[in-house]
C-alpha atoms as a PDB file:
ATOM      1  CA  MET A   1     -14.877  -5.147  -3.085  1.00  0.00           C
ATOM      2  CA  LYS A   2     -17.120  -6.738  -0.469  1.00  0.00           C
ATOM      3  CA  ASN A   3     -15.726  -9.779   1.365  1.00  0.00           C
ATOM      4  CA  ASN A   4     -13.045 -10.280  -1.280  1.00  0.00           C
ATOM      5  CA  TYR A   5      -9.423 -11.101  -0.602  1.00  0.00           C
ATOM      6  CA  SER A   6      -6.452 -11.218  -2.916  1.00  0.00           C
ATOM      7  CA  ILE A   7      -2.794 -12.013  -3.166  1.00  0.00           C
ATOM      8  CA  GLY A   8      -2.032  -9.247  -5.567  1.00  0.00           C
ATOM      9  CA  PHE A   9      -4.960  -9.341  -8.024  1.00  0.00           C
ATOM     10  CA  PRO A  10      -7.522 -10.500  -9.041  1.00  0.00           C
ATOM     11  CA  ALA A  11      -9.619 -10.757  -5.904  1.00  0.00           C
ATOM     12  CA  GLY A  12     -11.689 -13.723  -4.828  1.00  0.00           C
ATOM     13  CA  ASN A  13     -13.043 -15.442  -1.751  1.00  0.00           C
ATOM     14  CA  TYR A  14     -10.828 -16.795   1.027  1.00  0.00           C
ATOM     15  CA  ASP A  15     -10.622 -20.309  -0.430  1.00  0.00           C
ATOM     16  CA  THR A  16      -9.259 -18.826  -3.654  1.00  0.00           C
ATOM     17  CA  LEU A  17      -6.718 -16.860  -1.637  1.00  0.00           C
ATOM     18  CA  LEU A  18      -5.530 -19.945   0.254  1.00  0.00           C
ATOM     19  CA  ASN A  19      -5.137 -21.861  -3.007  1.00  0.00           C
ATOM     20  CA  SER A  20      -2.918 -19.046  -4.270  1.00  0.00           C
ATOM     21  CA  MET A  21      -0.906 -18.933  -1.034  1.00  0.00           C
ATOM     22  CA  SER A  22      -0.203 -22.657  -1.272  1.00  0.00           C
ATOM     23  CA  LYS A  23       2.027 -21.879  -4.252  1.00  0.00           C
ATOM     24  CA  THR A  24       4.251 -19.489  -2.271  1.00  0.00           C
ATOM     25  CA  SER A  25       7.562 -20.461  -0.691  1.00  0.00           C
ATOM     26  CA  VAL A  26       7.318 -21.315   3.009  1.00  0.00           C
ATOM     27  CA  HIS A  27      10.269 -22.656   4.959  1.00  0.00           C
ATOM     28  CA  SER A  28       8.591 -23.719   8.194  1.00  0.00           C
ATOM     29  CA  SER A  29       5.168 -24.497   9.607  1.00  0.00           C
ATOM     30  CA  LYS A  30       5.845 -21.620  12.002  1.00  0.00           C
ATOM     31  CA  THR A  31       6.518 -19.116   9.249  1.00  0.00           C
ATOM     32  CA  SER A  32       4.395 -16.121  10.177  1.00  0.00           C
ATOM     33  CA  SER A  33       2.398 -16.138   6.927  1.00  0.00           C
ATOM     34  CA  ILE A  34       0.601 -19.307   8.078  1.00  0.00           C
ATOM     35  CA  PRO A  35      -0.836 -18.072  11.406  1.00  0.00           C
ATOM     36  CA  LEU A  36      -1.510 -14.711   9.724  1.00  0.00           C
ATOM     37  CA  ALA A  37      -3.632 -16.424   7.067  1.00  0.00           C
ATOM     38  CA  GLU A  38      -5.420 -18.387   9.800  1.00  0.00           C
ATOM     39  CA  PHE A  39      -6.078 -15.278  11.902  1.00  0.00           C
ATOM     40  CA  TRP A  40      -7.737 -13.436   9.007  1.00  0.00           C
ATOM     41  CA  HIS A  41      -9.805 -16.452   7.924  1.00  0.00           C
ATOM     42  CA  PRO A  42     -13.530 -15.551   8.112  1.00  0.00           C
ATOM     43  CA  ARG A  43     -14.036 -18.161  10.834  1.00  0.00           C
ATOM     44  CA  ASN A  44     -11.947 -16.005  13.191  1.00  0.00           C
ATOM     45  CA  SER A  45     -14.210 -12.975  12.840  1.00  0.00           C
ATOM     46  CA  ALA A  46     -14.551 -12.550  16.625  1.00  0.00           C
ATOM     47  CA  LEU A  47     -10.791 -12.036  17.050  1.00  0.00           C
ATOM     48  CA  GLN A  48     -10.683  -9.809  13.989  1.00  0.00           C
ATOM     49  CA  LYS A  49     -13.461  -7.612  15.385  1.00  0.00           C
ATOM     50  CA  LYS A  50     -11.587  -7.262  18.662  1.00  0.00           C
ATOM     51  CA  LEU A  51      -8.502  -6.063  16.826  1.00  0.00           C
ATOM     52  CA  LEU A  52     -10.392  -3.825  14.394  1.00  0.00           C
ATOM     53  CA  HIS A  53     -12.307  -2.265  17.295  1.00  0.00           C
ATOM     54  CA  VAL A  54      -8.964  -1.062  18.676  1.00  0.00           C
ATOM     55  CA  VAL A  55      -8.093   0.359  15.257  1.00  0.00           C
ATOM     56  CA  GLY A  56     -11.504   1.990  14.953  1.00  0.00           C
ATOM     57  CA  MET A  57     -12.376   0.426  11.610  1.00  0.00           C
ATOM     58  CA  ASN A  58     -16.031  -0.458  10.976  1.00  0.00           C
ATOM     59  CA  ASP A  59     -16.065  -1.136   7.217  1.00  0.00           C
ATOM     60  CA  PHE A  60     -13.825  -4.211   7.107  1.00  0.00           C
ATOM     61  CA  ASP A  61     -16.200  -6.268   4.941  1.00  0.00           C
ATOM     62  CA  GLU A  62     -16.170  -3.610   2.214  1.00  0.00           C
ATOM     63  CA  ALA A  63     -12.422  -2.897   2.465  1.00  0.00           C
ATOM     64  CA  ASP A  64      -9.751  -4.096   0.041  1.00  0.00           C
ATOM     65  CA  LYS A  65      -7.726  -6.850   1.723  1.00  0.00           C
ATOM     66  CA  ILE A  66      -4.540  -7.657  -0.174  1.00  0.00           C
ATOM     67  CA  PHE A  67      -1.875 -10.120   0.950  1.00  0.00           C
ATOM     68  CA  GLU A  68       1.686  -9.460  -0.277  1.00  0.00           C
ATOM     69  CA  TYR A  69       0.858  -5.868  -1.166  1.00  0.00           C
ATOM     70  CA  ALA A  70       3.635  -4.170  -3.159  1.00  0.00           C
ATOM     71  CA  THR A  71       4.697  -0.560  -2.620  1.00  0.00           C
ATOM     72  CA  PRO A  72       7.156   0.503  -5.364  1.00  0.00           C
ATOM     73  CA  ALA A  73      10.082   2.860  -4.925  1.00  0.00           C
ATOM     74  CA  TYR A  74       9.403   5.592  -7.475  1.00  0.00           C
ATOM     75  CA  GLN A  75      12.041   7.873  -8.919  1.00  0.00           C
ATOM     76  CA  LYS A  76       9.924  10.954  -8.337  1.00  0.00           C
ATOM     77  CA  GLY A  77       6.761  11.430  -6.358  1.00  0.00           C
ATOM     78  CA  TYR A  78       4.159   8.690  -6.200  1.00  0.00           C
ATOM     79  CA  SER A  79       4.007   7.366  -9.755  1.00  0.00           C
ATOM     80  CA  GLY A  80       5.971   6.986 -12.953  1.00  0.00           C
ATOM     81  CA  PRO A  81       9.213   5.043 -13.391  1.00  0.00           C
ATOM     82  CA  THR A  82      10.527   3.091 -10.431  1.00  0.00           C
ATOM     83  CA  ILE A  83      14.118   3.348  -9.239  1.00  0.00           C
ATOM     84  CA  GLN A  84      16.274   0.935 -11.192  1.00  0.00           C
ATOM     85  CA  TYR A  85      17.213  -2.252  -9.306  1.00  0.00           C
ATOM     86  CA  SER A  86      14.837  -1.422  -6.464  1.00  0.00           C
ATOM     87  CA  GLY A  87      12.568  -4.061  -5.004  1.00  0.00           C
ATOM     88  CA  PRO A  88       9.094  -3.084  -3.772  1.00  0.00           C
ATOM     89  CA  SER A  89       8.178  -3.109  -0.113  1.00  0.00           C
ATOM     90  CA  MET A  90       6.044  -6.249   0.308  1.00  0.00           C
ATOM     91  CA  THR A  91       3.490  -5.864   3.074  1.00  0.00           C
ATOM     92  CA  ASP A  92       2.124  -9.109   4.533  1.00  0.00           C
ATOM     93  CA  LEU A  93      -1.436  -7.778   4.461  1.00  0.00           C
ATOM     94  CA  MET A  94      -2.791  -4.370   3.471  1.00  0.00           C
ATOM     95  CA  ILE A  95      -6.351  -3.423   4.452  1.00  0.00           C
ATOM     96  CA  ILE A  96      -7.676  -0.302   2.739  1.00  0.00           C
ATOM     97  CA  GLY A  97     -11.054   0.994   3.803  1.00  0.00           C
ATOM     98  CA  SER A  98     -12.872   4.269   3.290  1.00  0.00           C
ATOM     99  CA  LYS A  99     -11.125   5.895   6.263  1.00  0.00           C
ATOM    100  CA  HIS A 100      -8.188   3.614   7.104  1.00  0.00           C
ATOM    101  CA  LYS A 101      -5.063   2.195   5.543  1.00  0.00           C
ATOM    102  CA  ILE A 102      -3.782  -0.630   7.752  1.00  0.00           C
ATOM    103  CA  THR A 103      -0.332  -2.010   6.975  1.00  0.00           C
ATOM    104  CA  ILE A 104       0.141  -5.386   8.675  1.00  0.00           C
ATOM    105  CA  GLU A 105       3.429  -7.146   9.320  1.00  0.00           C
ATOM    106  CA  ALA A 106       3.370 -10.572  11.002  1.00  0.00           C
ATOM    107  CA  LYS A 107       6.116 -12.227  13.042  1.00  0.00           C
ATOM    108  CA  TYR A 108       6.244 -15.553  14.865  1.00  0.00           C
ATOM    109  CA  THR A 109       9.596 -17.247  15.303  1.00  0.00           C
ATOM    110  CA  GLU A 110      11.515 -14.545  13.394  1.00  0.00           C
ATOM    111  CA  TYR A 111      12.160 -12.406  16.478  1.00  0.00           C
ATOM    112  CA  LYS A 112      13.675 -15.362  18.346  1.00  0.00           C
ATOM    113  CA  LYS A 113      16.185 -16.631  15.793  1.00  0.00           C
ATOM    114  CA  ASP A 114      19.193 -14.590  16.899  1.00  0.00           C
ATOM    115  CA  ALA A 115      20.286 -11.688  19.062  1.00  0.00           C
ATOM    116  CA  GLN A 116      19.440  -9.137  16.362  1.00  0.00           C
ATOM    117  CA  PRO A 117      16.343 -10.654  14.789  1.00  0.00           C
ATOM    118  CA  TYR A 118      15.507  -8.020  12.229  1.00  0.00           C
ATOM    119  CA  HIS A 119      18.194  -8.421   9.571  1.00  0.00           C
ATOM    120  CA  PRO A 120      19.576  -6.852   7.559  1.00  0.00           C
ATOM    121  CA  SER A 121      20.410  -3.537   9.155  1.00  0.00           C
ATOM    122  CA  ILE A 122      20.655  -0.539   6.836  1.00  0.00           C
ATOM    123  CA  GLY A 123      24.441  -0.691   7.101  1.00  0.00           C
ATOM    124  CA  LYS A 124      24.587  -4.377   6.212  1.00  0.00           C
ATOM    125  CA  TRP A 125      22.067  -3.909   3.394  1.00  0.00           C
ATOM    126  CA  ILE A 126      24.311  -1.218   1.913  1.00  0.00           C
ATOM    127  CA  ASP A 127      27.364  -3.471   2.193  1.00  0.00           C
ATOM    128  CA  GLU A 128      25.553  -6.420   0.605  1.00  0.00           C
ATOM    129  CA  HIS A 129      24.392  -4.316  -2.360  1.00  0.00           C
ATOM    130  CA  ALA A 130      27.475  -2.156  -2.792  1.00  0.00           C
ATOM    131  CA  ALA A 131      27.487  -2.645  -6.579  1.00  0.00           C
ATOM    132  CA  ASN A 132      24.073  -0.962  -6.863  1.00  0.00           C
ATOM    133  CA  ASN A 133      24.486   2.763  -7.508  1.00  0.00           C
ATOM    134  CA  ASN A 134      20.869   3.426  -6.580  1.00  0.00           C
ATOM    135  CA  LEU A 135      21.057   2.609  -2.872  1.00  0.00           C
ATOM    136  CA  LEU A 136      20.860   6.211  -1.721  1.00  0.00           C
ATOM    137  CA  PRO A 137      17.848   7.044  -3.946  1.00  0.00           C
ATOM    138  CA  ILE A 138      16.071   3.904  -2.700  1.00  0.00           C
ATOM    139  CA  LEU A 139      16.637   4.769   0.955  1.00  0.00           C
ATOM    140  CA  ASN A 140      15.641   8.380   0.399  1.00  0.00           C
ATOM    141  CA  CYS A 141      12.500   7.295  -1.422  1.00  0.00           C
ATOM    142  CA  TRP A 142      11.325   5.367   1.649  1.00  0.00           C
ATOM    143  CA  ARG A 143      12.216   8.341   3.877  1.00  0.00           C
ATOM    144  CA  GLN A 144      10.339  10.697   1.563  1.00  0.00           C
ATOM    145  CA  TYR A 145       7.195   8.571   1.846  1.00  0.00           C
ATOM    146  CA  ILE A 146       7.441   8.745   5.652  1.00  0.00           C
ATOM    147  CA  GLY A 147       8.108  12.482   5.628  1.00  0.00           C
ATOM    148  CA  ILE A 148      11.549  12.576   7.258  1.00  0.00           C
ATOM    149  CA  PRO A 149      14.730  14.233   5.922  1.00  0.00           C
ATOM    150  CA  ARG A 150      16.741  12.512   3.220  1.00  0.00           C
ATOM    151  CA  TYR A 151      20.241  11.201   3.791  1.00  0.00           C
ATOM    152  CA  ASN A 152      22.833  13.607   2.366  1.00  0.00           C
ATOM    153  CA  ASN A 153      25.144  10.789   1.274  1.00  0.00           C
ATOM    154  CA  ILE A 154      25.630   7.046   1.563  1.00  0.00           C
ATOM    155  CA  GLU A 155      28.036   7.408   4.492  1.00  0.00           C
ATOM    156  CA  GLU A 156      25.354   9.175   6.482  1.00  0.00           C
ATOM    157  CA  ALA A 157      22.985   6.311   5.685  1.00  0.00           C
ATOM    158  CA  LYS A 158      25.569   3.763   6.845  1.00  0.00           C
ATOM    159  CA  SER A 159      25.697   5.548  10.195  1.00  0.00           C
ATOM    160  CA  ASP A 160      22.261   3.987  10.844  1.00  0.00           C
ATOM    161  CA  LYS A 161      24.107   0.683  10.918  1.00  0.00           C
ATOM    162  CA  ASP A 162      21.838  -0.929  13.519  1.00  0.00           C
ATOM    163  CA  PHE A 163      18.502   0.213  12.106  1.00  0.00           C
ATOM    164  CA  PRO A 164      16.564  -2.580  10.332  1.00  0.00           C
ATOM    165  CA  TYR A 165      16.065  -1.955   6.635  1.00  0.00           C
ATOM    166  CA  GLN A 166      12.782  -3.883   6.573  1.00  0.00           C
ATOM    167  CA  PHE A 167      11.217  -1.690   9.246  1.00  0.00           C
ATOM    168  CA  LEU A 168      12.109   1.393   7.198  1.00  0.00           C
ATOM    169  CA  HIS A 169      10.298   0.253   4.091  1.00  0.00           C
ATOM    170  CA  ARG A 170       7.418  -1.289   6.011  1.00  0.00           C
ATOM    171  CA  ALA A 171       6.817   2.100   7.636  1.00  0.00           C
ATOM    172  CA  ALA A 172       7.100   3.695   4.195  1.00  0.00           C
ATOM    173  CA  SER A 173       4.348   1.385   2.928  1.00  0.00           C
ATOM    174  CA  ALA A 174       2.058   2.610   5.698  1.00  0.00           C
ATOM    175  CA  CYS A 175       2.680   6.236   4.733  1.00  0.00           C
ATOM    176  CA  PHE A 176       2.666   5.915   0.957  1.00  0.00           C
ATOM    177  CA  ASN A 177      -0.181   7.690  -0.809  1.00  0.00           C
ATOM    178  CA  SER A 178      -2.478   7.608   2.235  1.00  0.00           C
ATOM    179  CA  GLN A 179      -2.985  11.275   3.021  1.00  0.00           C
ATOM    180  CA  ASP A 180      -6.780  10.970   2.939  1.00  0.00           C
ATOM    181  CA  LYS A 181      -6.879   8.021   5.380  1.00  0.00           C
ATOM    182  CA  GLU A 182      -5.833   7.220   8.922  1.00  0.00           C
ATOM    183  CA  ARG A 183      -2.456   5.516   8.653  1.00  0.00           C
ATOM    184  CA  VAL A 184      -2.018   2.447  10.829  1.00  0.00           C
ATOM    185  CA  LEU A 185       1.123   0.329  11.087  1.00  0.00           C
ATOM    186  CA  LEU A 186       0.153  -2.909  12.810  1.00  0.00           C
ATOM    187  CA  TYR A 187       2.562  -5.639  13.903  1.00  0.00           C
ATOM    188  CA  GLN A 188       0.890  -8.964  14.662  1.00  0.00           C
ATOM    189  CA  LEU A 189       3.261 -10.873  16.931  1.00  0.00           C
ATOM    190  CA  PHE A 190       2.298 -14.510  17.378  1.00  0.00           C
ATOM    191  CA  TYR A 191       3.906 -16.221  20.348  1.00  0.00           C
ATOM    192  CA  ASP A 192       4.069 -19.469  22.306  1.00  0.00           C
ATOM    193  CA  SER A 193       6.163 -20.789  25.201  1.00  0.00           C
ATOM    194  CA  GLN A 194       9.250 -21.028  22.980  1.00  0.00           C
ATOM    195  CA  THR A 195       9.075 -17.434  21.741  1.00  0.00           C
ATOM    196  CA  LYS A 196       7.444 -15.585  24.646  1.00  0.00           C
ATOM    197  CA  ASP A 197      10.754 -14.716  26.346  1.00  0.00           C
ATOM    198  CA  ASN A 198      11.866 -12.782  23.253  1.00  0.00           C
ATOM    199  CA  LEU A 199       8.548 -11.024  22.675  1.00  0.00           C
ATOM    200  CA  HIS A 200       8.977  -8.008  24.949  1.00  0.00           C
ATOM    201  CA  GLU A 201      12.530  -7.291  23.820  1.00  0.00           C
ATOM    202  CA  PHE A 202      11.338  -7.206  20.220  1.00  0.00           C
ATOM    203  CA  GLU A 203       8.441  -4.924  21.156  1.00  0.00           C
ATOM    204  CA  SER A 204      10.879  -2.542  22.862  1.00  0.00           C
ATOM    205  CA  ASN A 205      12.959  -2.467  19.694  1.00  0.00           C
ATOM    206  CA  LEU A 206       9.889  -1.788  17.544  1.00  0.00           C
ATOM    207  CA  CYS A 207       8.969   1.094  19.834  1.00  0.00           C
ATOM    208  CA  MET A 208      12.486   2.530  19.601  1.00  0.00           C
ATOM    209  CA  TRP A 209      12.609   2.226  15.807  1.00  0.00           C
ATOM    210  CA  ALA A 210       9.189   3.857  15.383  1.00  0.00           C
ATOM    211  CA  LYS A 211      10.351   6.826  17.445  1.00  0.00           C
ATOM    212  CA  GLN A 212      13.557   7.090  15.428  1.00  0.00           C
ATOM    213  CA  LEU A 213      11.501   7.391  12.248  1.00  0.00           C
ATOM    214  CA  GLU A 214       9.242   9.990  13.892  1.00  0.00           C
ATOM    215  CA  LEU A 215       6.192   8.007  12.796  1.00  0.00           C
ATOM    216  CA  HIS A 216       3.971   9.578  15.447  1.00  0.00           C
ATOM    217  CA  ASN A 217       4.897  13.082  14.272  1.00  0.00           C
ATOM    218  CA  ASN A 218       3.962  12.055  10.740  1.00  0.00           C
ATOM    219  CA  GLY A 219       0.483  10.895  11.674  1.00  0.00           C
ATOM    220  CA  VAL A 220       1.058   7.142  11.793  1.00  0.00           C
ATOM    221  CA  ARG A 221      -0.737   5.158  14.453  1.00  0.00           C
ATOM    222  CA  PHE A 222       1.467   2.255  15.557  1.00  0.00           C
ATOM    223  CA  ILE A 223      -0.166  -0.790  17.141  1.00  0.00           C
ATOM    224  CA  ILE A 224       1.382  -4.052  18.327  1.00  0.00           C
ATOM    225  CA  ALA A 225      -0.945  -7.044  18.711  1.00  0.00           C
ATOM    226  CA  GLU A 226       0.285  -9.930  20.873  1.00  0.00           C
ATOM    227  CA  ILE A 227      -1.491 -13.132  19.824  1.00  0.00           C
ATOM    228  CA  LYS A 228      -1.072 -16.291  21.873  1.00  0.00           C
ATOM    229  CA  VAL A 229      -0.972 -19.561  19.938  1.00  0.00           C
ATOM    230  CA  ASP A 230      -2.533 -22.728  21.335  1.00  0.00           C
ATOM    231  CA  GLU A 231       0.403 -25.153  21.404  1.00  0.00           C
ATOM    232  CA  ASP A 232      -1.893 -28.143  21.881  1.00  0.00           C
ATOM    233  CA  LYS A 233      -3.243 -27.411  18.401  1.00  0.00           C
ATOM    234  CA  SER A 234      -0.057 -26.523  16.549  1.00  0.00           C
ATOM    235  CA  PRO A 235       1.944 -29.812  16.902  1.00  0.00           C
ATOM    236  CA  ALA A 236      -0.459 -31.536  14.495  1.00  0.00           C
ATOM    237  CA  ILE A 237       0.819 -29.427  11.607  1.00  0.00           C
ATOM    238  CA  LYS A 238       4.553 -29.732  12.213  1.00  0.00           C
ATOM    239  CA  SER A 239       5.081 -32.789  10.023  1.00  0.00           C
ATOM    240  CA  LYS A 240       3.074 -31.587   7.046  1.00  0.00           C
ATOM    241  CA  LYS A 241       4.542 -30.232   3.868  1.00  0.00           C
ATOM    242  CA  LYS A 242       4.416 -26.479   4.132  1.00  0.00           C
ATOM    243  CA  ALA A 243       2.251 -25.872   1.057  1.00  0.00           C
ATOM    244  CA  GLU A 244      -0.392 -28.250   2.385  1.00  0.00           C
ATOM    245  CA  LEU A 245      -1.056 -26.053   5.404  1.00  0.00           C
ATOM    246  CA  PHE A 246      -2.822 -23.386   3.361  1.00  0.00           C
ATOM    247  CA  LEU A 247      -4.914 -25.982   1.532  1.00  0.00           C
ATOM    248  CA  ASP A 248      -5.853 -27.765   4.768  1.00  0.00           C
ATOM    249  CA  MET A 249      -6.814 -24.382   6.204  1.00  0.00           C
ATOM    250  CA  ILE A 250      -9.737 -24.297   3.789  1.00  0.00           C
ATOM    251  CA  ALA A 251     -11.480 -27.120   5.653  1.00  0.00           C
ATOM    252  CA  SER A 252     -10.223 -26.720   9.220  1.00  0.00           C
ATOM    253  CA  GLU A 253      -8.210 -24.404  11.429  1.00  0.00           C
ATOM    254  CA  GLN A 254      -4.476 -25.021  11.475  1.00  0.00           C
ATOM    255  CA  TYR A 255      -3.802 -22.676  14.382  1.00  0.00           C
ATOM    256  CA  LYS A 256      -5.993 -21.815  17.321  1.00  0.00           C
ATOM    257  CA  PHE A 257      -5.475 -18.533  19.126  1.00  0.00           C
ATOM    258  CA  LEU A 258      -6.028 -18.250  22.861  1.00  0.00           C
ATOM    259  CA  ASP A 259      -5.703 -14.546  23.510  1.00  0.00           C
ATOM    260  CA  ILE A 260      -5.029 -11.193  21.901  1.00  0.00           C
ATOM    261  CA  LYS A 261      -3.693  -8.061  23.562  1.00  0.00           C
ATOM    262  CA  CYS A 262      -3.129  -4.753  21.791  1.00  0.00           C
ATOM    263  CA  LEU A 263      -0.447  -2.254  22.726  1.00  0.00           C
ATOM    264  CA  ASP A 264       0.202   1.328  21.721  1.00  0.00           C
ATOM    265  CA  GLY A 265       3.473   0.895  19.840  1.00  0.00           C
ATOM    266  CA  TYR A 266       4.871   4.224  21.078  1.00  0.00           C
ATOM    267  CA  THR A 267       4.285   3.637  24.794  1.00  0.00           C
ATOM    268  CA  LEU A 268       3.865  -0.172  24.981  1.00  0.00           C
ATOM    269  CA  THR A 269       0.803   0.346  27.140  1.00  0.00           C
ATOM    270  CA  GLU A 270      -2.289  -1.802  26.619  1.00  0.00           C
ATOM    271  CA  ILE A 271      -5.065  -0.277  24.555  1.00  0.00           C
END
């Protein structure tokens, strides 16, 4: 699928993608989906190559590139009926090449909003969905994809009260049905002067959570990309209606990026 992009299917060129994204719900001009879409615009190929060089991917043009990629929670194995009342894990961008499966999650202001920025925790998620009798199968499905032991009961799951539910199923997406490819979980963290102070704390948490899930032992490469946003460019988009940002992105850049630094997510050392 050369040089094609999609939000789900069917695939098309990047202008088609941006038209589709303009119909999605966005609450702020700093919602991470907007700089993510800008970063992967073909005009930013130099930055993309720098990041993909770290990953080791050289067939990006031919790869499938799918925004809002859904990974279902199956009742058994990797196909068939899904678990009742389970929602799929929605990856911001999935890149699937001949040798790589890159699961990308983007964050911008989300890690600054409060003291525990990655809500809900597994414990809170269980409490909020207490009426759903399928919580344990859902959690164990994600853990099965990763290759770690299942919870024996719901009380054991609740003991992971501080572990973020979203990180669990994002890691599961990276592992799902990818045995023949190099698995890469990539967090793109956009930052500016207002979010920089919270960046390193969030990275430390990501590192801790990845170790708790034993991602390294299960063959998942974990990369964190710090991407600096040009604040002199971004104020121009603050007053626009959110949906317009994707449409305006077709003609001109809505974010400009000043720097990119890649870290090994397990050691937080620069790659």
